[in-house]
Amino acid sequence: MSRTKYKHLFQPIQLGKTLFRNYNPDIAGKNIVIMGGGLVGLELGIFLAEKECNITIVEMAPGTVATPPPVEGTSNRMSGIMDIPLGFPLVHGVALKEQLKSLSNMKVCASTKAVEVIDEGLIVEDVNGKRTIKADTIIYAIGQKPLREEALALSDCAPEFYQVGDCVIPKDIYEATSTAYQAAIDIGRF
């Protein structure tokens, strides 16, 4: 990846400090690509779109929490409702979907893979092949993979060992606190 001249590839923590607290259009530029169509990517995109930036969300999955892929044989309104996992932010997704409708300067590219960051923007690949999305800023809001082996390496350090949060499966704060609560309740019971 060519990053020598590309100044603004933000990581989530740096992004929060730079854009959310002290939003400065001179830093972000007008055209912003957000890699990741989860809650963080969509909410940040909406925030920046409301600040009159042109936003493109790039998501590898066939849909986002706000734009789930239709399931054959169902209406778009209730598409796949029975297949939604426990803890899925359904109501939040519906609210985001409504906000997206009012933002003509925000586009979601589902089933699109980020291939390379270049000086001009982001090279992506979808069913039509590779193309470049021009961007002043590219924001990384992609989910993480659990580090199961690293977590298990600590299992002999205490009489009881529980895995919670992202070392089990990257999800959201609700899932992390629920599993942590259950682990705390179970301490000493078995």
N, C-alpha and C. Protein backbone atom coordinates (compact mmCIF):
# COMPACT_ATOMS: atom_id res chain seq x y z
N MET A 1 0.83 -1.19 0.00
CA MET A 1 0.00 0.00 0.00
C MET A 1 0.87 1.25 0.00
N SER A 2 0.52 2.16 -0.84
CA SER A 2 1.23 3.42 -0.90
C SER A 2 0.63 4.39 0.11
N ARG A 3 1.40 4.77 1.12
CA ARG A 3 0.91 5.71 2.14
C ARG A 3 1.85 6.89 2.34
N THR A 4 2.89 6.97 1.53
CA THR A 4 3.90 7.98 1.79
C THR A 4 3.34 9.39 1.75
N LYS A 5 2.55 9.71 0.72
CA LYS A 5 1.97 11.05 0.62
C LYS A 5 0.59 11.11 1.24
N TYR A 6 0.00 9.96 1.53
CA TYR A 6 -1.39 9.93 1.99
C TYR A 6 -1.42 10.26 3.47
N LYS A 7 -1.86 11.46 3.81
CA LYS A 7 -1.73 11.99 5.16
C LYS A 7 -2.78 11.50 6.14
N HIS A 8 -3.97 11.19 5.66
CA HIS A 8 -5.07 11.03 6.60
C HIS A 8 -5.69 9.64 6.56
N LEU A 9 -4.98 8.64 7.05
CA LEU A 9 -5.56 7.32 7.25
C LEU A 9 -5.70 7.18 8.76
N PHE A 10 -6.92 7.38 9.27
CA PHE A 10 -7.15 7.46 10.71
C PHE A 10 -7.47 6.11 11.30
N GLN A 11 -6.99 5.86 12.50
CA GLN A 11 -7.40 4.72 13.30
C GLN A 11 -8.54 5.19 14.19
N PRO A 12 -9.42 4.30 14.68
CA PRO A 12 -10.60 4.73 15.44
C PRO A 12 -10.32 5.64 16.63
N ILE A 13 -9.31 5.37 17.46
CA ILE A 13 -9.07 6.21 18.64
C ILE A 13 -8.59 7.59 18.22
N GLN A 14 -7.64 7.64 17.32
CA GLN A 14 -7.15 8.91 16.82
C GLN A 14 -8.29 9.67 16.14
N LEU A 15 -9.12 8.96 15.41
CA LEU A 15 -10.25 9.55 14.72
C LEU A 15 -11.19 10.23 15.70
N GLY A 16 -11.52 9.54 16.80
CA GLY A 16 -12.42 10.11 17.78
C GLY A 16 -11.90 11.41 18.34
N LYS A 17 -10.62 11.45 18.65
CA LYS A 17 -10.02 12.67 19.20
C LYS A 17 -9.98 13.78 18.16
N THR A 18 -9.66 13.42 16.92
CA THR A 18 -9.45 14.42 15.89
C THR A 18 -10.76 14.95 15.31
N LEU A 19 -11.68 14.06 14.98
CA LEU A 19 -12.88 14.48 14.27
C LEU A 19 -14.07 14.76 15.18
N PHE A 20 -14.32 13.91 16.14
CA PHE A 20 -15.52 14.09 16.96
C PHE A 20 -15.41 15.28 17.90
N ARG A 21 -14.34 15.36 18.64
CA ARG A 21 -14.23 16.41 19.65
C ARG A 21 -13.97 17.78 19.04
N ASN A 22 -13.06 17.82 18.09
CA ASN A 22 -12.67 19.09 17.50
C ASN A 22 -12.80 19.02 15.99
N TYR A 23 -14.01 18.79 15.51
CA TYR A 23 -14.19 18.61 14.07
C TYR A 23 -13.62 19.79 13.32
N ASN A 24 -12.72 19.50 12.41
CA ASN A 24 -12.06 20.53 11.63
C ASN A 24 -12.12 20.12 10.16
N PRO A 25 -12.96 20.77 9.36
CA PRO A 25 -13.10 20.40 7.95
C PRO A 25 -11.79 20.48 7.18
N ASP A 26 -10.87 21.33 7.61
CA ASP A 26 -9.59 21.42 6.92
C ASP A 26 -8.77 20.14 7.07
N ILE A 27 -8.95 19.43 8.17
CA ILE A 27 -8.24 18.17 8.38
C ILE A 27 -8.88 17.06 7.57
N ALA A 28 -10.19 16.95 7.64
CA ALA A 28 -10.90 15.84 7.01
C ALA A 28 -11.05 16.01 5.51
N GLY A 29 -11.21 17.21 5.02
CA GLY A 29 -11.48 17.42 3.61
C GLY A 29 -12.96 17.23 3.31
N LYS A 30 -13.31 17.33 2.07
CA LYS A 30 -14.72 17.29 1.65
C LYS A 30 -15.18 15.87 1.32
N ASN A 31 -14.29 15.05 0.76
CA ASN A 31 -14.64 13.70 0.32
C ASN A 31 -14.02 12.67 1.25
N ILE A 32 -14.88 11.92 1.94
CA ILE A 32 -14.42 10.98 2.96
C ILE A 32 -14.95 9.59 2.65
N VAL A 33 -14.06 8.60 2.71
CA VAL A 33 -14.45 7.21 2.56
C VAL A 33 -14.28 6.55 3.93
N ILE A 34 -15.31 5.83 4.35
CA ILE A 34 -15.26 5.09 5.62
C ILE A 34 -15.29 3.61 5.29
N MET A 35 -14.22 2.90 5.68
CA MET A 35 -14.18 1.45 5.49
C MET A 35 -14.87 0.82 6.69
N GLY A 36 -16.02 0.19 6.46
CA GLY A 36 -16.78 -0.47 7.52
C GLY A 36 -18.16 0.13 7.65
N GLY A 37 -19.16 -0.71 7.48
CA GLY A 37 -20.56 -0.26 7.55
C GLY A 37 -21.27 -0.71 8.81
N GLY A 38 -20.53 -0.87 9.90
CA GLY A 38 -21.15 -1.19 11.19
C GLY A 38 -21.69 0.08 11.82
N LEU A 39 -22.09 -0.03 13.08
CA LEU A 39 -22.65 1.13 13.77
C LEU A 39 -21.67 2.30 13.81
N VAL A 40 -20.41 2.03 14.09
CA VAL A 40 -19.42 3.11 14.18
C VAL A 40 -19.27 3.82 12.84
N GLY A 41 -19.09 3.04 11.78
CA GLY A 41 -18.91 3.63 10.46
C GLY A 41 -20.12 4.42 10.00
N LEU A 42 -21.31 3.86 10.19
CA LEU A 42 -22.53 4.54 9.76
C LEU A 42 -22.80 5.81 10.56
N GLU A 43 -22.66 5.73 11.88
CA GLU A 43 -22.92 6.90 12.70
C GLU A 43 -21.91 8.01 12.43
N LEU A 44 -20.66 7.65 12.25
CA LEU A 44 -19.66 8.65 11.90
C LEU A 44 -19.97 9.25 10.53
N GLY A 45 -20.35 8.40 9.59
CA GLY A 45 -20.71 8.89 8.26
C GLY A 45 -21.86 9.87 8.30
N ILE A 46 -22.88 9.57 9.07
CA ILE A 46 -24.03 10.47 9.21
C ILE A 46 -23.59 11.80 9.82
N PHE A 47 -22.77 11.73 10.87
CA PHE A 47 -22.25 12.95 11.51
C PHE A 47 -21.52 13.82 10.49
N LEU A 48 -20.63 13.21 9.72
CA LEU A 48 -19.84 13.98 8.76
C LEU A 48 -20.69 14.45 7.57
N ALA A 49 -21.67 13.63 7.16
CA ALA A 49 -22.56 14.05 6.07
C ALA A 49 -23.37 15.27 6.50
N GLU A 50 -23.77 15.31 7.75
CA GLU A 50 -24.51 16.47 8.27
C GLU A 50 -23.61 17.72 8.33
N LYS A 51 -22.29 17.51 8.32
CA LYS A 51 -21.33 18.62 8.28
C LYS A 51 -20.98 18.96 6.83
N GLU A 52 -21.79 18.45 5.89
CA GLU A 52 -21.69 18.74 4.46
C GLU A 52 -20.49 18.10 3.78
N CYS A 53 -19.99 16.99 4.31
CA CYS A 53 -18.97 16.21 3.62
C CYS A 53 -19.66 15.19 2.71
N ASN A 54 -18.97 14.77 1.66
CA ASN A 54 -19.45 13.70 0.80
C ASN A 54 -18.89 12.39 1.34
N ILE A 55 -19.78 11.50 1.75
CA ILE A 55 -19.38 10.28 2.45
C ILE A 55 -19.67 9.06 1.59
N THR A 56 -18.69 8.14 1.53
CA THR A 56 -18.90 6.83 0.92
C THR A 56 -18.52 5.79 1.95
N ILE A 57 -19.48 4.92 2.29
CA ILE A 57 -19.23 3.79 3.19
C ILE A 57 -18.89 2.59 2.32
N VAL A 58 -17.80 1.90 2.63
CA VAL A 58 -17.41 0.69 1.91
C VAL A 58 -17.55 -0.48 2.87
N GLU A 59 -18.42 -1.42 2.54
CA GLU A 59 -18.71 -2.58 3.40
C GLU A 59 -18.58 -3.86 2.59
N MET A 60 -17.80 -4.81 3.10
CA MET A 60 -17.61 -6.11 2.42
C MET A 60 -18.87 -6.97 2.44
N ALA A 61 -19.61 -6.91 3.52
CA ALA A 61 -20.82 -7.75 3.65
C ALA A 61 -21.87 -7.28 2.64
N PRO A 62 -22.86 -8.12 2.37
CA PRO A 62 -23.90 -7.74 1.42
C PRO A 62 -24.85 -6.65 1.92
N GLY A 63 -24.72 -6.25 3.16
CA GLY A 63 -25.55 -5.18 3.71
C GLY A 63 -24.95 -4.66 4.99
N THR A 64 -25.56 -3.62 5.54
CA THR A 64 -25.12 -3.06 6.81
C THR A 64 -26.27 -3.21 7.81
N VAL A 65 -26.05 -2.75 9.02
CA VAL A 65 -27.12 -2.79 10.02
C VAL A 65 -28.29 -1.93 9.56
N ALA A 66 -28.03 -0.91 8.74
CA ALA A 66 -29.09 -0.03 8.24
C ALA A 66 -29.60 -0.46 6.87
N THR A 67 -28.85 -1.28 6.18
CA THR A 67 -29.25 -1.72 4.84
C THR A 67 -29.05 -3.23 4.72
N PRO A 68 -29.80 -4.02 5.51
CA PRO A 68 -29.60 -5.47 5.44
C PRO A 68 -29.97 -6.00 4.07
N PRO A 69 -29.28 -7.06 3.62
CA PRO A 69 -29.62 -7.62 2.31
C PRO A 69 -31.00 -8.26 2.35
N PRO A 70 -31.79 -8.13 1.28
CA PRO A 70 -33.12 -8.74 1.29
C PRO A 70 -33.03 -10.27 1.28
N VAL A 71 -33.93 -10.90 1.99
CA VAL A 71 -34.01 -12.35 2.01
C VAL A 71 -35.12 -12.74 1.06
N GLU A 72 -34.83 -13.69 0.18
CA GLU A 72 -35.82 -14.09 -0.82
C GLU A 72 -37.12 -14.52 -0.16
N GLY A 73 -38.23 -14.03 -0.71
CA GLY A 73 -39.54 -14.42 -0.20
C GLY A 73 -40.05 -13.53 0.92
N THR A 74 -39.34 -12.44 1.23
CA THR A 74 -39.80 -11.53 2.28
C THR A 74 -39.91 -10.12 1.71
N SER A 75 -40.67 -9.29 2.37
CA SER A 75 -40.76 -7.90 1.93
C SER A 75 -39.49 -7.18 2.36
N ASN A 76 -39.15 -6.09 1.67
CA ASN A 76 -37.98 -5.30 2.06
C ASN A 76 -38.13 -4.76 3.47
N ARG A 77 -39.34 -4.42 3.88
CA ARG A 77 -39.56 -3.83 5.19
C ARG A 77 -39.18 -4.79 6.32
N MET A 78 -39.50 -6.05 6.17
CA MET A 78 -39.23 -7.02 7.23
C MET A 78 -38.24 -8.09 6.76
N SER A 79 -37.38 -7.74 5.84
CA SER A 79 -36.44 -8.67 5.25
C SER A 79 -35.58 -9.36 6.30
N GLY A 80 -35.66 -10.68 6.36
CA GLY A 80 -34.80 -11.47 7.23
C GLY A 80 -35.01 -11.27 8.72
N ILE A 81 -36.15 -10.77 9.13
CA ILE A 81 -36.38 -10.43 10.55
C ILE A 81 -36.17 -11.64 11.47
N MET A 82 -36.52 -12.83 11.01
CA MET A 82 -36.40 -14.01 11.87
C MET A 82 -34.97 -14.54 11.93
N ASP A 83 -34.11 -14.07 11.01
CA ASP A 83 -32.72 -14.54 10.99
C ASP A 83 -31.78 -13.63 11.77
N ILE A 84 -32.31 -12.59 12.38
CA ILE A 84 -31.46 -11.63 13.09
C ILE A 84 -31.00 -12.23 14.42
N PRO A 85 -29.68 -12.21 14.69
CA PRO A 85 -29.17 -12.78 15.95
C PRO A 85 -29.57 -11.95 17.16
N LEU A 86 -29.60 -12.60 18.31
CA LEU A 86 -29.91 -11.93 19.56
C LEU A 86 -28.89 -10.82 19.81
N GLY A 87 -29.35 -9.67 20.23
CA GLY A 87 -28.47 -8.54 20.49
C GLY A 87 -28.24 -7.65 19.28
N PHE A 88 -28.78 -8.04 18.12
CA PHE A 88 -28.62 -7.23 16.91
C PHE A 88 -29.37 -5.91 17.08
N PRO A 89 -28.76 -4.80 16.74
CA PRO A 89 -29.40 -3.49 16.98
C PRO A 89 -30.46 -3.17 15.93
N LEU A 90 -31.54 -3.91 15.93
CA LEU A 90 -32.59 -3.77 14.91
C LEU A 90 -33.20 -2.37 14.90
N VAL A 91 -33.64 -1.89 16.05
CA VAL A 91 -34.28 -0.58 16.11
C VAL A 91 -33.28 0.51 15.72
N HIS A 92 -32.05 0.38 16.18
CA HIS A 92 -31.00 1.33 15.84
C HIS A 92 -30.78 1.33 14.32
N GLY A 93 -30.78 0.13 13.74
CA GLY A 93 -30.60 0.01 12.29
C GLY A 93 -31.71 0.68 11.51
N VAL A 94 -32.96 0.52 11.98
CA VAL A 94 -34.09 1.17 11.33
C VAL A 94 -33.95 2.69 11.41
N ALA A 95 -33.53 3.20 12.55
CA ALA A 95 -33.35 4.65 12.71
C ALA A 95 -32.23 5.16 11.78
N LEU A 96 -31.14 4.40 11.68
CA LEU A 96 -30.06 4.80 10.78
C LEU A 96 -30.52 4.79 9.33
N LYS A 97 -31.30 3.78 8.98
CA LYS A 97 -31.82 3.68 7.60
C LYS A 97 -32.65 4.91 7.26
N GLU A 98 -33.46 5.37 8.19
CA GLU A 98 -34.28 6.57 7.95
C GLU A 98 -33.38 7.80 7.79
N GLN A 99 -32.33 7.90 8.58
CA GLN A 99 -31.41 9.04 8.45
C GLN A 99 -30.70 9.02 7.10
N LEU A 100 -30.31 7.82 6.65
CA LEU A 100 -29.60 7.70 5.37
C LEU A 100 -30.46 8.20 4.22
N LYS A 101 -31.77 8.00 4.29
CA LYS A 101 -32.68 8.44 3.22
C LYS A 101 -32.62 9.95 3.02
N SER A 102 -32.35 10.69 4.08
CA SER A 102 -32.36 12.15 3.98
C SER A 102 -31.00 12.74 3.62
N LEU A 103 -29.98 11.90 3.47
CA LEU A 103 -28.62 12.38 3.21
C LEU A 103 -28.18 12.02 1.79
N SER A 104 -28.39 12.92 0.87
CA SER A 104 -28.02 12.65 -0.53
C SER A 104 -26.51 12.63 -0.73
N ASN A 105 -25.76 13.16 0.22
CA ASN A 105 -24.30 13.20 0.13
C ASN A 105 -23.63 12.01 0.82
N MET A 106 -24.43 10.96 1.12
CA MET A 106 -23.87 9.75 1.75
C MET A 106 -24.30 8.54 0.95
N LYS A 107 -23.30 7.73 0.56
CA LYS A 107 -23.55 6.55 -0.26
C LYS A 107 -22.97 5.32 0.44
N VAL A 108 -23.73 4.21 0.40
CA VAL A 108 -23.26 2.95 0.99
C VAL A 108 -22.97 1.98 -0.14
N CYS A 109 -21.74 1.47 -0.18
CA CYS A 109 -21.34 0.48 -1.17
C CYS A 109 -21.17 -0.86 -0.47
N ALA A 110 -22.24 -1.67 -0.46
CA ALA A 110 -22.18 -2.99 0.16
C ALA A 110 -21.59 -3.98 -0.85
N SER A 111 -21.19 -5.15 -0.35
CA SER A 111 -20.54 -6.18 -1.19
C SER A 111 -19.34 -5.59 -1.93
N THR A 112 -18.62 -4.72 -1.25
CA THR A 112 -17.48 -4.03 -1.84
C THR A 112 -16.28 -4.19 -0.93
N LYS A 113 -15.19 -4.66 -1.50
CA LYS A 113 -13.98 -4.94 -0.72
C LYS A 113 -12.95 -3.84 -0.93
N ALA A 114 -12.40 -3.32 0.17
CA ALA A 114 -11.30 -2.37 0.09
C ALA A 114 -10.04 -3.14 -0.29
N VAL A 115 -9.37 -2.70 -1.35
CA VAL A 115 -8.19 -3.41 -1.85
C VAL A 115 -6.90 -2.70 -1.48
N GLU A 116 -6.86 -1.37 -1.70
CA GLU A 116 -5.61 -0.64 -1.46
C GLU A 116 -5.89 0.83 -1.24
N VAL A 117 -5.14 1.40 -0.30
CA VAL A 117 -5.16 2.85 -0.08
C VAL A 117 -4.08 3.44 -0.97
N ILE A 118 -4.46 4.41 -1.79
CA ILE A 118 -3.50 5.09 -2.65
C ILE A 118 -3.62 6.60 -2.40
N ASP A 119 -2.74 7.37 -3.00
CA ASP A 119 -2.74 8.82 -2.78
C ASP A 119 -4.06 9.46 -3.17
N GLU A 120 -4.72 8.94 -4.19
CA GLU A 120 -5.96 9.53 -4.68
C GLU A 120 -7.19 9.10 -3.89
N GLY A 121 -7.10 8.01 -3.15
CA GLY A 121 -8.26 7.51 -2.42
C GLY A 121 -8.15 6.04 -2.11
N LEU A 122 -9.24 5.31 -2.38
CA LEU A 122 -9.31 3.89 -2.03
C LEU A 122 -9.68 3.07 -3.25
N ILE A 123 -8.86 2.07 -3.55
CA ILE A 123 -9.20 1.13 -4.62
C ILE A 123 -10.10 0.07 -4.00
N VAL A 124 -11.25 -0.14 -4.62
CA VAL A 124 -12.21 -1.13 -4.14
C VAL A 124 -12.52 -2.12 -5.24
N GLU A 125 -13.09 -3.25 -4.84
CA GLU A 125 -13.49 -4.27 -5.81
C GLU A 125 -14.89 -4.75 -5.46
N ASP A 126 -15.76 -4.79 -6.48
CA ASP A 126 -17.11 -5.32 -6.31
C ASP A 126 -17.43 -6.20 -7.51
N VAL A 127 -18.68 -6.52 -7.73
CA VAL A 127 -19.05 -7.42 -8.83
C VAL A 127 -18.69 -6.84 -10.20
N ASN A 128 -18.52 -5.55 -10.29
CA ASN A 128 -18.17 -4.90 -11.56
C ASN A 128 -16.67 -4.77 -11.76
N GLY A 129 -15.87 -5.23 -10.80
CA GLY A 129 -14.42 -5.15 -10.90
C GLY A 129 -13.83 -4.10 -9.97
N LYS A 130 -12.59 -3.69 -10.28
CA LYS A 130 -11.89 -2.71 -9.44
C LYS A 130 -12.15 -1.30 -9.94
N ARG A 131 -12.19 -0.37 -8.96
CA ARG A 131 -12.34 1.05 -9.27
C ARG A 131 -11.75 1.84 -8.11
N THR A 132 -11.53 3.11 -8.35
CA THR A 132 -10.99 3.99 -7.31
C THR A 132 -12.08 4.95 -6.84
N ILE A 133 -12.24 5.04 -5.53
CA ILE A 133 -13.12 6.04 -4.93
C ILE A 133 -12.20 7.17 -4.45
N LYS A 134 -12.34 8.33 -5.04
CA LYS A 134 -11.50 9.48 -4.68
C LYS A 134 -11.84 9.93 -3.26
N ALA A 135 -10.80 10.26 -2.48
CA ALA A 135 -11.02 10.65 -1.09
C ALA A 135 -9.92 11.57 -0.60
N ASP A 136 -10.33 12.53 0.22
CA ASP A 136 -9.36 13.35 0.94
C ASP A 136 -8.93 12.64 2.22
N THR A 137 -9.86 11.88 2.80
CA THR A 137 -9.62 11.16 4.05
C THR A 137 -10.24 9.77 3.94
N ILE A 138 -9.53 8.79 4.45
CA ILE A 138 -10.05 7.43 4.55
C ILE A 138 -10.05 7.06 6.03
N ILE A 139 -11.20 6.59 6.49
CA ILE A 139 -11.35 6.25 7.91
C ILE A 139 -11.54 4.74 8.03
N TYR A 140 -10.78 4.16 8.94
CA TYR A 140 -10.80 2.73 9.19
C TYR A 140 -11.76 2.45 10.34
N ALA A 141 -12.93 1.86 10.02
CA ALA A 141 -13.93 1.51 11.04
C ALA A 141 -14.34 0.06 10.85
N ILE A 142 -13.35 -0.78 10.64
CA ILE A 142 -13.59 -2.20 10.35
C ILE A 142 -13.52 -3.00 11.63
N GLY A 143 -14.35 -4.02 11.72
CA GLY A 143 -14.36 -4.90 12.89
C GLY A 143 -13.04 -5.64 13.06
N GLN A 144 -12.88 -6.24 14.19
CA GLN A 144 -11.64 -6.94 14.53
C GLN A 144 -11.88 -8.44 14.62
N LYS A 145 -10.80 -9.20 14.52
CA LYS A 145 -10.87 -10.65 14.70
C LYS A 145 -10.41 -10.96 16.13
N PRO A 146 -11.06 -11.95 16.77
CA PRO A 146 -10.65 -12.29 18.13
C PRO A 146 -9.27 -12.94 18.15
N LEU A 147 -8.52 -12.68 19.21
CA LEU A 147 -7.20 -13.29 19.41
C LEU A 147 -7.36 -14.43 20.41
N ARG A 148 -7.98 -15.50 19.97
CA ARG A 148 -8.32 -16.62 20.87
C ARG A 148 -7.09 -17.30 21.46
N GLU A 149 -6.08 -17.54 20.63
CA GLU A 149 -4.88 -18.23 21.13
C GLU A 149 -4.16 -17.39 22.19
N GLU A 150 -4.10 -16.09 21.99
CA GLU A 150 -3.46 -15.22 22.96
C GLU A 150 -4.23 -15.23 24.28
N ALA A 151 -5.55 -15.24 24.19
CA ALA A 151 -6.37 -15.28 25.39
C ALA A 151 -6.19 -16.61 26.11
N LEU A 152 -6.20 -17.70 25.38
CA LEU A 152 -6.05 -19.03 25.99
C LEU A 152 -4.68 -19.21 26.64
N ALA A 153 -3.67 -18.50 26.16
CA ALA A 153 -2.33 -18.59 26.76
C ALA A 153 -2.35 -18.13 28.21
N LEU A 154 -3.34 -17.36 28.61
CA LEU A 154 -3.46 -16.86 29.98
C LEU A 154 -4.32 -17.76 30.87
N SER A 155 -4.85 -18.84 30.33
CA SER A 155 -5.82 -19.65 31.06
C SER A 155 -5.26 -20.34 32.31
N ASP A 156 -3.96 -20.54 32.38
CA ASP A 156 -3.36 -21.19 33.55
C ASP A 156 -2.91 -20.20 34.62
N CYS A 157 -3.19 -18.94 34.43
CA CYS A 157 -2.72 -17.91 35.36
C CYS A 157 -3.60 -17.76 36.60
N ALA A 158 -4.76 -18.38 36.61
CA ALA A 158 -5.69 -18.22 37.74
C ALA A 158 -6.51 -19.50 37.88
N PRO A 159 -7.08 -19.74 39.08
CA PRO A 159 -7.87 -20.95 39.27
C PRO A 159 -9.11 -20.99 38.36
N GLU A 160 -9.65 -19.85 38.05
CA GLU A 160 -10.79 -19.78 37.13
C GLU A 160 -10.44 -18.84 36.00
N PHE A 161 -10.88 -19.19 34.80
CA PHE A 161 -10.55 -18.41 33.61
C PHE A 161 -11.80 -18.26 32.76
N TYR A 162 -12.15 -17.03 32.45
CA TYR A 162 -13.32 -16.75 31.60
C TYR A 162 -12.89 -15.83 30.46
N GLN A 163 -13.44 -16.07 29.31
CA GLN A 163 -13.21 -15.17 28.18
C GLN A 163 -14.48 -14.37 27.92
N VAL A 164 -14.32 -13.07 27.80
CA VAL A 164 -15.46 -12.19 27.52
C VAL A 164 -15.04 -11.16 26.48
N GLY A 165 -16.01 -10.52 25.89
CA GLY A 165 -15.75 -9.43 24.96
C GLY A 165 -15.13 -9.89 23.67
N ASP A 166 -14.22 -9.08 23.14
CA ASP A 166 -13.67 -9.30 21.81
C ASP A 166 -12.79 -10.53 21.68
N CYS A 167 -12.28 -11.07 22.79
CA CYS A 167 -11.46 -12.28 22.66
C CYS A 167 -12.33 -13.50 22.37
N VAL A 168 -13.64 -13.38 22.55
CA VAL A 168 -14.56 -14.46 22.18
C VAL A 168 -15.08 -14.21 20.76
N ILE A 169 -15.75 -13.11 20.59
CA ILE A 169 -16.23 -12.69 19.28
C ILE A 169 -16.44 -11.18 19.31
N PRO A 170 -15.82 -10.46 18.37
CA PRO A 170 -16.02 -9.01 18.35
C PRO A 170 -17.49 -8.69 18.07
N LYS A 171 -18.09 -7.95 18.95
CA LYS A 171 -19.51 -7.60 18.80
C LYS A 171 -19.67 -6.16 19.23
N ASP A 172 -20.41 -5.96 20.28
CA ASP A 172 -20.70 -4.60 20.73
C ASP A 172 -20.63 -4.57 22.26
N ILE A 173 -20.83 -3.41 22.83
CA ILE A 173 -20.70 -3.24 24.27
C ILE A 173 -21.75 -4.04 25.02
N TYR A 174 -22.94 -4.18 24.46
CA TYR A 174 -24.00 -4.97 25.10
C TYR A 174 -23.55 -6.41 25.27
N GLU A 175 -23.02 -7.00 24.21
CA GLU A 175 -22.56 -8.39 24.26
C GLU A 175 -21.41 -8.54 25.26
N ALA A 176 -20.47 -7.61 25.24
CA ALA A 176 -19.31 -7.69 26.13
C ALA A 176 -19.73 -7.60 27.59
N THR A 177 -20.60 -6.64 27.92
CA THR A 177 -20.99 -6.50 29.31
C THR A 177 -21.90 -7.63 29.77
N SER A 178 -22.70 -8.17 28.87
CA SER A 178 -23.56 -9.31 29.23
C SER A 178 -22.74 -10.54 29.57
N THR A 179 -21.74 -10.84 28.74
CA THR A 179 -20.91 -12.01 29.02
C THR A 179 -20.03 -11.77 30.24
N ALA A 180 -19.56 -10.54 30.44
CA ALA A 180 -18.76 -10.23 31.63
C ALA A 180 -19.61 -10.37 32.90
N TYR A 181 -20.84 -9.92 32.83
CA TYR A 181 -21.75 -10.04 33.97
C TYR A 181 -21.97 -11.52 34.32
N GLN A 182 -22.22 -12.33 33.30
CA GLN A 182 -22.45 -13.75 33.53
C GLN A 182 -21.21 -14.42 34.11
N ALA A 183 -20.03 -14.06 33.61
CA ALA A 183 -18.78 -14.62 34.15
C ALA A 183 -18.62 -14.22 35.62
N ALA A 184 -18.89 -12.98 35.96
CA ALA A 184 -18.77 -12.52 37.35
C ALA A 184 -19.73 -13.28 38.26
N ILE A 185 -20.93 -13.54 37.80
CA ILE A 185 -21.93 -14.29 38.59
C ILE A 185 -21.46 -15.74 38.82
N ASP A 186 -20.77 -16.30 37.81
CA ASP A 186 -20.35 -17.70 37.87
C ASP A 186 -19.07 -17.95 38.67
N ILE A 187 -18.34 -16.90 39.04
CA ILE A 187 -17.07 -17.08 39.75
C ILE A 187 -17.34 -17.85 41.05
N GLY A 188 -16.59 -18.93 41.20
CA GLY A 188 -16.69 -19.75 42.41
C GLY A 188 -17.87 -20.72 42.45
N ARG A 189 -18.71 -20.73 41.45
CA ARG A 189 -19.88 -21.62 41.46
C ARG A 189 -19.55 -23.02 40.96
N PHE A 190 -18.49 -23.17 40.19
CA PHE A 190 -18.22 -24.49 39.58
C PHE A 190 -16.91 -25.05 40.03
